[in-house]
C-alpha atoms as a PDB file:
ATOM      1  CA  MET A   1     112.528 118.954  53.416  1.00  0.00           C
ATOM      2  CA  LEU A   2     110.482 117.704  56.347  1.00  0.00           C
ATOM      3  CA  ARG A   3     108.164 120.304  57.868  1.00  0.00           C
ATOM      4  CA  LYS A   4     108.637 121.146  61.398  1.00  0.00           C
ATOM      5  CA  VAL A   5     106.159 119.300  63.977  1.00  0.00           C
ATOM      6  CA  VAL A   6     104.672 121.483  66.656  1.00  0.00           C
ATOM      7  CA  LEU A   7     102.869 120.378  69.737  1.00  0.00           C
ATOM      8  CA  VAL A   8      99.717 121.850  71.155  1.00  0.00           C
ATOM      9  CA  THR A   9      98.105 120.950  74.398  1.00  0.00           C
ATOM     10  CA  ASP A  10      95.772 122.614  76.986  1.00  0.00           C
ATOM     11  CA  SER A  11      96.647 124.272  80.437  1.00  0.00           C
ATOM     12  CA  CYS A  12      95.353 121.377  82.483  1.00  0.00           C
ATOM     13  CA  CYS A  13      98.675 119.749  81.632  1.00  0.00           C
ATOM     14  CA  ASP A  14     100.114 121.804  84.401  1.00  0.00           C
ATOM     15  CA  LEU A  15     103.564 121.837  83.048  1.00  0.00           C
ATOM     16  CA  PRO A  16     106.167 124.189  84.738  1.00  0.00           C
ATOM     17  CA  LEU A  17     106.803 127.256  82.519  1.00  0.00           C
ATOM     18  CA  LYS A  18     110.428 126.255  82.027  1.00  0.00           C
ATOM     19  CA  ILE A  19     109.526 122.994  80.248  1.00  0.00           C
ATOM     20  CA  VAL A  20     106.807 124.725  78.203  1.00  0.00           C
ATOM     21  CA  ASN A  21     109.438 127.312  76.975  1.00  0.00           C
ATOM     22  CA  ASP A  22     112.268 124.847  76.567  1.00  0.00           C
ATOM     23  CA  TYR A  23     110.242 122.535  74.436  1.00  0.00           C
ATOM     24  CA  GLU A  24     108.336 125.179  72.614  1.00  0.00           C
ATOM     25  CA  ILE A  25     104.925 123.729  73.629  1.00  0.00           C
ATOM     26  CA  ASN A  26     101.767 125.599  72.640  1.00  0.00           C
ATOM     27  CA  VAL A  27      99.313 125.912  75.388  1.00  0.00           C
ATOM     28  CA  ILE A  28      95.619 126.667  75.049  1.00  0.00           C
ATOM     29  CA  PRO A  29      94.155 128.217  78.151  1.00  0.00           C
ATOM     30  CA  MET A  30      91.233 126.858  80.006  1.00  0.00           C
ATOM     31  CA  HIS A  31      89.106 128.883  82.256  1.00  0.00           C
ATOM     32  CA  PHE A  32      88.232 129.159  85.996  1.00  0.00           C
ATOM     33  CA  ALA A  33      86.091 131.474  88.018  1.00  0.00           C
ATOM     34  CA  PHE A  34      85.354 132.725  91.634  1.00  0.00           C
ATOM     35  CA  SER A  35      82.100 134.547  92.324  1.00  0.00           C
ATOM     36  CA  GLY A  36      81.277 135.116  88.654  1.00  0.00           C
ATOM     37  CA  ILE A  37      84.700 136.524  87.777  1.00  0.00           C
ATOM     38  CA  SER A  38      86.535 134.519  85.187  1.00  0.00           C
ATOM     39  CA  TYR A  39      90.250 133.956  84.710  1.00  0.00           C
ATOM     40  CA  LEU A  40      92.323 132.329  82.023  1.00  0.00           C
ATOM     41  CA  ASP A  41      94.503 129.543  83.322  1.00  0.00           C
ATOM     42  CA  THR A  42      97.894 129.877  81.521  1.00  0.00           C
ATOM     43  CA  PRO A  43     101.476 128.512  82.248  1.00  0.00           C
ATOM     44  CA  THR A  44     102.477 132.016  83.402  1.00  0.00           C
ATOM     45  CA  HIS A  45      99.346 132.266  85.740  1.00  0.00           C
ATOM     46  CA  LYS A  46      99.405 135.866  84.995  1.00  0.00           C
ATOM     47  CA  GLU A  47      95.864 136.530  85.772  1.00  0.00           C
ATOM     48  CA  MET A  48      95.904 134.711  89.161  1.00  0.00           C
ATOM     49  CA  SER A  49      98.993 133.008  90.880  1.00  0.00           C
ATOM     50  CA  VAL A  50      98.715 129.423  91.989  1.00  0.00           C
ATOM     51  CA  SER A  51      99.280 130.595  95.715  1.00  0.00           C
ATOM     52  CA  ASP A  52      96.388 133.139  95.552  1.00  0.00           C
ATOM     53  CA  PHE A  53      94.202 130.505  93.805  1.00  0.00           C
ATOM     54  CA  TYR A  54      94.760 128.021  96.802  1.00  0.00           C
ATOM     55  CA  LEU A  55      94.297 130.841  99.473  1.00  0.00           C
ATOM     56  CA  LYS A  56      90.945 131.381  98.080  1.00  0.00           C
ATOM     57  CA  LEU A  57      90.152 127.616  98.372  1.00  0.00           C
ATOM     58  CA  ARG A  58      91.459 127.534 101.960  1.00  0.00           C
ATOM     59  CA  ASN A  59      89.113 130.528 102.611  1.00  0.00           C
ATOM     60  CA  LYS A  60      86.106 128.184 101.506  1.00  0.00           C
ATOM     61  CA  GLU A  61      85.632 130.018  98.234  1.00  0.00           C
ATOM     62  CA  VAL A  62      84.257 127.685  95.357  1.00  0.00           C
ATOM     63  CA  ALA A  63      86.075 127.657  92.048  1.00  0.00           C
ATOM     64  CA  ILE A  64      84.149 126.866  88.877  1.00  0.00           C
ATOM     65  CA  THR A  65      86.074 125.517  85.831  1.00  0.00           C
ATOM     66  CA  SER A  66      85.122 125.413  82.063  1.00  0.00           C
ATOM     67  CA  GLN A  67      86.641 123.833  78.951  1.00  0.00           C
ATOM     68  CA  ALA A  68      88.698 125.527  76.267  1.00  0.00           C
ATOM     69  CA  THR A  69      86.251 126.947  73.695  1.00  0.00           C
ATOM     70  CA  ILE A  70      86.500 126.653  69.872  1.00  0.00           C
ATOM     71  CA  GLU A  71      87.836 130.330  69.917  1.00  0.00           C
ATOM     72  CA  ASP A  72      90.567 129.468  72.524  1.00  0.00           C
ATOM     73  CA  CYS A  73      91.836 126.594  70.309  1.00  0.00           C
ATOM     74  CA  LEU A  74      91.617 128.564  67.010  1.00  0.00           C
ATOM     75  CA  ASN A  75      93.675 131.280  68.656  1.00  0.00           C
ATOM     76  CA  VAL A  76      96.576 128.958  69.189  1.00  0.00           C
ATOM     77  CA  ILE A  77      96.310 126.332  66.406  1.00  0.00           C
ATOM     78  CA  LYS A  78      95.473 128.540  63.390  1.00  0.00           C
ATOM     79  CA  PRO A  79      98.654 130.605  63.573  1.00  0.00           C
ATOM     80  CA  LEU A  80     100.690 127.625  63.574  1.00  0.00           C
ATOM     81  CA  ALA A  81      98.888 126.251  60.462  1.00  0.00           C
ATOM     82  CA  ASN A  82      99.485 129.628  58.850  1.00  0.00           C
ATOM     83  CA  GLU A  83     103.083 129.027  59.357  1.00  0.00           C
ATOM     84  CA  GLY A  84     102.822 125.753  57.612  1.00  0.00           C
ATOM     85  CA  TYR A  85     103.754 123.607  60.636  1.00  0.00           C
ATOM     86  CA  ASP A  86     102.462 119.939  61.103  1.00  0.00           C
ATOM     87  CA  ILE A  87     100.539 119.958  64.256  1.00  0.00           C
ATOM     88  CA  ILE A  88      99.872 117.374  67.008  1.00  0.00           C
ATOM     89  CA  CYS A  89      97.216 118.214  69.690  1.00  0.00           C
ATOM     90  CA  LEU A  90      97.311 116.415  73.078  1.00  0.00           C
ATOM     91  CA  GLY A  91      94.131 117.042  74.937  1.00  0.00           C
ATOM     92  CA  PHE A  92      92.888 116.725  78.690  1.00  0.00           C
ATOM     93  CA  SER A  93      90.995 113.531  79.165  1.00  0.00           C
ATOM     94  CA  SER A  94      87.532 113.457  77.314  1.00  0.00           C
ATOM     95  CA  ALA A  95      86.004 111.762  80.326  1.00  0.00           C
ATOM     96  CA  LEU A  96      86.599 114.879  82.428  1.00  0.00           C
ATOM     97  CA  SER A  97      86.349 117.743  80.025  1.00  0.00           C
ATOM     98  CA  GLY A  98      85.054 118.724  76.409  1.00  0.00           C
ATOM     99  CA  THR A  99      88.324 120.535  75.658  1.00  0.00           C
ATOM    100  CA  VAL A 100      89.565 117.665  73.287  1.00  0.00           C
ATOM    101  CA  ASN A 101      86.299 117.896  71.423  1.00  0.00           C
ATOM    102  CA  SER A 102      86.883 121.746  70.823  1.00  0.00           C
ATOM    103  CA  MET A 103      90.480 120.715  69.528  1.00  0.00           C
ATOM    104  CA  ARG A 104      88.990 118.160  67.080  1.00  0.00           C
ATOM    105  CA  LEU A 105      86.459 120.771  65.751  1.00  0.00           C
ATOM    106  CA  VAL A 106      89.106 123.232  65.173  1.00  0.00           C
ATOM    107  CA  SER A 107      91.288 120.395  63.596  1.00  0.00           C
ATOM    108  CA  ASP A 108      88.539 119.792  60.962  1.00  0.00           C
ATOM    109  CA  MET A 109      88.392 123.412  60.223  1.00  0.00           C
ATOM    110  CA  ILE A 110      92.133 123.535  59.792  1.00  0.00           C
ATOM    111  CA  LYS A 111      92.128 120.498  57.523  1.00  0.00           C
ATOM    112  CA  ASP A 112      89.632 122.122  55.191  1.00  0.00           C
ATOM    113  CA  GLU A 113      91.521 125.396  55.139  1.00  0.00           C
ATOM    114  CA  PHE A 114      95.005 123.984  55.036  1.00  0.00           C
ATOM    115  CA  PRO A 115      94.764 120.718  53.131  1.00  0.00           C
ATOM    116  CA  ASN A 116      98.543 120.342  52.815  1.00  0.00           C
ATOM    117  CA  ILE A 117      99.433 120.186  56.483  1.00  0.00           C
ATOM    118  CA  ASN A 118      99.106 117.351  58.862  1.00  0.00           C
ATOM    119  CA  ILE A 119      97.269 117.826  62.017  1.00  0.00           C
ATOM    120  CA  SER A 120      96.046 115.226  64.464  1.00  0.00           C
ATOM    121  CA  VAL A 121      94.326 115.336  67.819  1.00  0.00           C
ATOM    122  CA  ILE A 122      94.829 112.699  70.547  1.00  0.00           C
ATOM    123  CA  ASP A 123      92.741 112.257  73.678  1.00  0.00           C
ATOM    124  CA  THR A 124      95.506 111.604  76.334  1.00  0.00           C
ATOM    125  CA  LEU A 125      92.888 110.213  78.624  1.00  0.00           C
ATOM    126  CA  SER A 126      95.079 111.915  81.241  1.00  0.00           C
ATOM    127  CA  ALA A 127      94.863 114.977  83.729  1.00  0.00           C
ATOM    128  CA  SER A 128      97.120 117.456  85.495  1.00  0.00           C
ATOM    129  CA  LEU A 129     100.877 116.579  85.398  1.00  0.00           C
ATOM    130  CA  GLY A 130      99.931 112.898  84.013  1.00  0.00           C
ATOM    131  CA  GLU A 131      98.800 114.868  80.872  1.00  0.00           C
ATOM    132  CA  GLY A 132     101.997 116.932  81.406  1.00  0.00           C
ATOM    133  CA  LEU A 133     104.204 113.802  81.409  1.00  0.00           C
ATOM    134  CA  TYR A 134     102.421 112.610  78.375  1.00  0.00           C
ATOM    135  CA  VAL A 135     103.107 115.990  76.556  1.00  0.00           C
ATOM    136  CA  TYR A 136     106.686 116.080  77.781  1.00  0.00           C
ATOM    137  CA  LEU A 137     107.550 112.649  76.454  1.00  0.00           C
ATOM    138  CA  VAL A 138     106.147 113.544  72.970  1.00  0.00           C
ATOM    139  CA  ALA A 139     107.901 116.856  73.038  1.00  0.00           C
ATOM    140  CA  LYS A 140     111.272 115.143  73.494  1.00  0.00           C
ATOM    141  CA  LYS A 141     110.667 113.122  70.529  1.00  0.00           C
ATOM    142  CA  ILE A 142     109.920 116.230  68.367  1.00  0.00           C
ATOM    143  CA  LYS A 143     113.146 117.819  69.666  1.00  0.00           C
ATOM    144  CA  GLU A 144     115.103 114.758  68.731  1.00  0.00           C
ATOM    145  CA  GLY A 145     113.844 115.348  65.145  1.00  0.00           C
ATOM    146  CA  TYR A 146     111.075 112.646  64.666  1.00  0.00           C
ATOM    147  CA  ASP A 147     108.915 113.331  61.787  1.00  0.00           C
ATOM    148  CA  PHE A 148     105.069 113.707  61.944  1.00  0.00           C
ATOM    149  CA  GLN A 149     104.096 110.067  61.615  1.00  0.00           C
ATOM    150  CA  LYS A 150     106.709 108.852  63.995  1.00  0.00           C
ATOM    151  CA  VAL A 151     105.660 111.450  66.604  1.00  0.00           C
ATOM    152  CA  LEU A 152     102.101 110.471  66.099  1.00  0.00           C
ATOM    153  CA  ASP A 153     102.750 106.688  66.477  1.00  0.00           C
ATOM    154  CA  TYR A 154     104.787 107.331  69.583  1.00  0.00           C
ATOM    155  CA  ALA A 155     102.086 109.521  71.046  1.00  0.00           C
ATOM    156  CA  LEU A 156      99.362 106.920  70.528  1.00  0.00           C
ATOM    157  CA  SER A 157     101.567 104.232  72.198  1.00  0.00           C
ATOM    158  CA  LEU A 158     101.602 106.164  75.479  1.00  0.00           C
ATOM    159  CA  GLN A 159      97.925 106.357  75.829  1.00  0.00           C
ATOM    160  CA  ASN A 160      97.590 103.444  78.208  1.00  0.00           C
ATOM    161  CA  LYS A 161     100.937 103.834  79.830  1.00  0.00           C
ATOM    162  CA  ILE A 162     100.733 107.067  82.009  1.00  0.00           C
ATOM    163  CA  CYS A 163      99.907 105.943  85.571  1.00  0.00           C
ATOM    164  CA  HIS A 164      98.209 108.475  87.742  1.00  0.00           C
ATOM    165  CA  TYR A 165      97.791 108.209  91.494  1.00  0.00           C
ATOM    166  CA  PHE A 166      96.331 111.083  93.724  1.00  0.00           C
ATOM    167  CA  THR A 167      95.708 111.407  97.454  1.00  0.00           C
ATOM    168  CA  VAL A 168      93.215 114.184  98.502  1.00  0.00           C
ATOM    169  CA  ASP A 169      93.654 115.783 101.869  1.00  0.00           C
ATOM    170  CA  ASP A 170      90.812 118.343 101.829  1.00  0.00           C
ATOM    171  CA  LEU A 171      87.428 116.461 101.687  1.00  0.00           C
ATOM    172  CA  GLY A 172      85.668 119.868 102.163  1.00  0.00           C
ATOM    173  CA  THR A 173      86.656 120.916  98.630  1.00  0.00           C
ATOM    174  CA  LEU A 174      85.083 117.694  97.143  1.00  0.00           C
ATOM    175  CA  LYS A 175      81.985 118.330  99.203  1.00  0.00           C
ATOM    176  CA  ARG A 176      81.731 121.971  98.056  1.00  0.00           C
ATOM    177  CA  GLY A 177      82.285 121.050  94.552  1.00  0.00           C
ATOM    178  CA  GLY A 178      79.390 118.481  94.682  1.00  0.00           C
ATOM    179  CA  ARG A 179      81.725 115.427  94.272  1.00  0.00           C
ATOM    180  CA  LEU A 180      81.269 114.121  97.840  1.00  0.00           C
ATOM    181  CA  SER A 181      78.214 114.076  99.935  1.00  0.00           C
ATOM    182  CA  ALA A 182      78.277 116.192 103.163  1.00  0.00           C
ATOM    183  CA  SER A 183      77.559 112.968 105.210  1.00  0.00           C
ATOM    184  CA  LYS A 184      80.542 111.069 103.531  1.00  0.00           C
ATOM    185  CA  ALA A 185      82.752 114.274 103.939  1.00  0.00           C
ATOM    186  CA  PHE A 186      81.880 114.595 107.616  1.00  0.00           C
ATOM    187  CA  LEU A 187      82.558 110.800 108.372  1.00  0.00           C
ATOM    188  CA  GLY A 188      85.695 110.905 106.443  1.00  0.00           C
ATOM    189  CA  SER A 189      87.165 113.975 108.115  1.00  0.00           C
ATOM    190  CA  LEU A 190      86.073 112.484 111.550  1.00  0.00           C
ATOM    191  CA  LEU A 191      87.972 109.296 110.955  1.00  0.00           C
ATOM    192  CA  ASN A 192      90.789 111.119 109.275  1.00  0.00           C
ATOM    193  CA  LEU A 193      90.361 108.994 106.095  1.00  0.00           C
ATOM    194  CA  LYS A 194      92.573 110.057 103.063  1.00  0.00           C
ATOM    195  CA  PRO A 195      91.267 108.655  99.743  1.00  0.00           C
ATOM    196  CA  ILE A 196      93.566 107.412  97.016  1.00  0.00           C
ATOM    197  CA  LEU A 197      92.320 107.893  93.432  1.00  0.00           C
ATOM    198  CA  HIS A 198      93.723 107.012  89.967  1.00  0.00           C
ATOM    199  CA  VAL A 199      92.925 107.745  86.315  1.00  0.00           C
ATOM    200  CA  THR A 200      91.503 104.763  84.430  1.00  0.00           C
ATOM    201  CA  THR A 201      92.170 103.578  81.010  1.00  0.00           C
ATOM    202  CA  GLU A 202      88.952 105.480  80.077  1.00  0.00           C
ATOM    203  CA  GLY A 203      90.310 108.646  81.420  1.00  0.00           C
ATOM    204  CA  LYS A 204      88.006 108.708  84.576  1.00  0.00           C
ATOM    205  CA  LEU A 205      89.154 109.726  88.121  1.00  0.00           C
ATOM    206  CA  VAL A 206      88.080 106.942  90.503  1.00  0.00           C
ATOM    207  CA  PRO A 207      88.773 106.159  94.147  1.00  0.00           C
ATOM    208  CA  ILE A 208      90.697 102.941  94.658  1.00  0.00           C
ATOM    209  CA  ALA A 209      91.584 102.955  98.349  1.00  0.00           C
ATOM    210  CA  LYS A 210      91.578 104.951 101.534  1.00  0.00           C
ATOM    211  CA  LYS A 211      94.080 105.200 104.339  1.00  0.00           C
ATOM    212  CA  ILE A 212      93.886 106.619 107.933  1.00  0.00           C
ATOM    213  CA  GLY A 213      96.181 109.555 108.169  1.00  0.00           C
ATOM    214  CA  ARG A 214      98.196 111.683 105.751  1.00  0.00           C
ATOM    215  CA  LYS A 215     101.518 109.914 106.060  1.00  0.00           C
ATOM    216  CA  GLN A 216      99.826 106.507 105.225  1.00  0.00           C
ATOM    217  CA  SER A 217      98.273 107.985 102.127  1.00  0.00           C
ATOM    218  CA  LEU A 218     101.483 109.471 100.919  1.00  0.00           C
ATOM    219  CA  ASN A 219     103.271 106.156 101.589  1.00  0.00           C
ATOM    220  CA  MET A 220     100.560 104.384  99.500  1.00  0.00           C
ATOM    221  CA  LEU A 221     101.542 106.635  96.504  1.00  0.00           C
ATOM    222  CA  VAL A 222     104.994 105.318  96.790  1.00  0.00           C
ATOM    223  CA  ASP A 223     103.695 101.696  97.118  1.00  0.00           C
ATOM    224  CA  PHE A 224     101.768 102.189  93.830  1.00  0.00           C
ATOM    225  CA  PHE A 225     104.909 103.476  92.171  1.00  0.00           C
ATOM    226  CA  LYS A 226     106.891 100.426  93.250  1.00  0.00           C
ATOM    227  CA  GLN A 227     104.197  98.058  92.047  1.00  0.00           C
ATOM    228  CA  LYS A 228     103.417  99.755  88.709  1.00  0.00           C
ATOM    229  CA  CYS A 229     106.449 101.608  87.350  1.00  0.00           C
ATOM    230  CA  SER A 230     108.147 100.369  84.296  1.00  0.00           C
ATOM    231  CA  ASP A 231     110.545 103.050  83.692  1.00  0.00           C
ATOM    232  CA  PRO A 232     111.822 104.927  86.774  1.00  0.00           C
ATOM    233  CA  SER A 233     113.945 107.360  84.806  1.00  0.00           C
ATOM    234  CA  ILE A 234     111.178 110.008  84.719  1.00  0.00           C
ATOM    235  CA  ILE A 235     108.594 110.744  87.334  1.00  0.00           C
ATOM    236  CA  PHE A 236     106.258 113.785  87.709  1.00  0.00           C
ATOM    237  CA  ILE A 237     104.800 114.735  91.122  1.00  0.00           C
ATOM    238  CA  SER A 238     102.344 117.490  91.511  1.00  0.00           C
ATOM    239  CA  HIS A 239     100.762 119.095  94.715  1.00  0.00           C
ATOM    240  CA  GLY A 240      98.088 121.384  95.836  1.00  0.00           C
ATOM    241  CA  SER A 241      99.938 124.064  97.854  1.00  0.00           C
ATOM    242  CA  CYS A 242     101.814 121.376  99.925  1.00  0.00           C
ATOM    243  CA  TYR A 243     105.328 121.297  98.477  1.00  0.00           C
ATOM    244  CA  SER A 244     106.726 119.519 101.423  1.00  0.00           C
ATOM    245  CA  ASP A 245     104.556 116.640 101.156  1.00  0.00           C
ATOM    246  CA  ALA A 246     105.607 116.258  97.435  1.00  0.00           C
ATOM    247  CA  GLU A 247     109.195 116.439  98.507  1.00  0.00           C
ATOM    248  CA  TYR A 248     108.398 113.683 101.039  1.00  0.00           C
ATOM    249  CA  VAL A 249     107.088 111.303  98.282  1.00  0.00           C
ATOM    250  CA  LYS A 250     110.043 112.172  96.040  1.00  0.00           C
ATOM    251  CA  ASN A 251     112.564 111.302  98.757  1.00  0.00           C
ATOM    252  CA  LYS A 252     110.820 108.098  99.597  1.00  0.00           C
ATOM    253  CA  ILE A 253     111.021 107.003  95.963  1.00  0.00           C
ATOM    254  CA  ILE A 254     114.677 108.103  95.663  1.00  0.00           C
ATOM    255  CA  ASP A 255     115.516 106.008  98.845  1.00  0.00           C
ATOM    256  CA  ASN A 256     114.296 102.961  96.852  1.00  0.00           C
ATOM    257  CA  TYR A 257     115.651 104.058  93.456  1.00  0.00           C
ATOM    258  CA  PRO A 258     118.806 105.964  94.238  1.00  0.00           C
ATOM    259  CA  ASN A 259     119.856 106.271  90.514  1.00  0.00           C
ATOM    260  CA  ILE A 260     116.855 108.320  89.544  1.00  0.00           C
ATOM    261  CA  ASN A 261     117.816 111.736  88.376  1.00  0.00           C
ATOM    262  CA  ASP A 262     114.652 113.065  86.692  1.00  0.00           C
ATOM    263  CA  VAL A 263     111.896 113.948  89.146  1.00  0.00           C
ATOM    264  CA  VAL A 264     109.733 116.961  88.342  1.00  0.00           C
ATOM    265  CA  ILE A 265     107.653 118.559  91.033  1.00  0.00           C
ATOM    266  CA  GLY A 266     104.936 120.975  89.958  1.00  0.00           C
ATOM    267  CA  ASP A 267     101.749 122.654  91.086  1.00  0.00           C
ATOM    268  CA  ILE A 268      98.325 121.291  90.453  1.00  0.00           C
ATOM    269  CA  GLY A 269      96.893 124.174  88.580  1.00  0.00           C
ATOM    270  CA  PRO A 270      93.235 125.704  88.965  1.00  0.00           C
ATOM    271  CA  VAL A 271      91.490 123.244  86.480  1.00  0.00           C
ATOM    272  CA  ILE A 272      92.166 120.176  88.631  1.00  0.00           C
ATOM    273  CA  GLY A 273      92.825 122.039  91.968  1.00  0.00           C
ATOM    274  CA  ALA A 274      89.351 123.578  91.942  1.00  0.00           C
ATOM    275  CA  HIS A 275      88.012 119.887  92.403  1.00  0.00           C
ATOM    276  CA  SER A 276      90.902 118.196  94.427  1.00  0.00           C
ATOM    277  CA  GLY A 277      91.611 121.087  96.715  1.00  0.00           C
ATOM    278  CA  PRO A 278      94.711 122.087  98.844  1.00  0.00           C
ATOM    279  CA  GLY A 279      96.770 119.369 100.113  1.00  0.00           C
ATOM    280  CA  THR A 280      96.375 117.051  97.144  1.00  0.00           C
ATOM    281  CA  VAL A 281      99.574 115.142  96.156  1.00  0.00           C
ATOM    282  CA  ALA A 282      99.785 113.189  92.918  1.00  0.00           C
ATOM    283  CA  ILE A 283     102.242 110.928  91.239  1.00  0.00           C
ATOM    284  CA  PHE A 284     102.700 110.266  87.506  1.00  0.00           C
ATOM    285  CA  PHE A 285     105.088 107.765  85.823  1.00  0.00           C
ATOM    286  CA  LEU A 286     105.177 105.201  83.016  1.00  0.00           C
ATOM    287  CA  GLY A 287     103.753 101.622  83.479  1.00  0.00           C
ATOM    288  CA  GLU A 288     103.271  98.762  81.221  1.00  0.00           C
ATOM    289  CA  GLU A 289      99.597  99.702  81.756  1.00  0.00           C
ATOM    290  CA  ARG A 290      97.612 101.948  83.902  1.00  0.00           C
END
């Protein structure tokens, strides 16, 4: 009899709680802090709601994030090993966080202690609901009854196919987080410039364009979708406390692809939101390549 395969990821995946529960996804919490007070980021957001998080950012508070620790990973992964499950771990891009390295260290420990189970760690090279889309697609294969090796092969095949496109509205958050100089933030705000960013094949978040005005930047997300999407059957859209803008992007896509019936809209959680800020909108989908 085949052992059950279970899926582990981290909270940067930003998956809505319903998907996490429906697909029995095990989520390792990451950490964020305001003024030295630390909070766990979990799918339930029980320590701080997403709305409260963005309210603090809008009030110019600075959030600090940190990776999942070895202890965080052990707390989630070891009980699954104790149950005798085969385990696949999908981690936040190694170019943006050390969380996947914590997963790998724990995986080595698990292999030593439980030599009869299969465990593998994959660097998704993805972030936010891009990582979430990756996890969701793999979770569907597990639910369909794929064995460990087939799930692993499928997961590896996705690594360069999850397309990520973001537009950032609040340049002040990038400035306060040290990711944009004060002069560039001032000039960008003065000119109403809205950058477009994507996640590369190396898992890095880089700017690729800029537009004048919010509506043009949102329309450019739709343009990238039209250019790059190879499978419009599933699209994830995330937002930083600006649901109506995410709805705008969704409706623009449906205008072009009226048969689409699986569009998931979710929040950008604290791990990414601390750096991208309120007003960020992102779109994620499958392409032939990123």
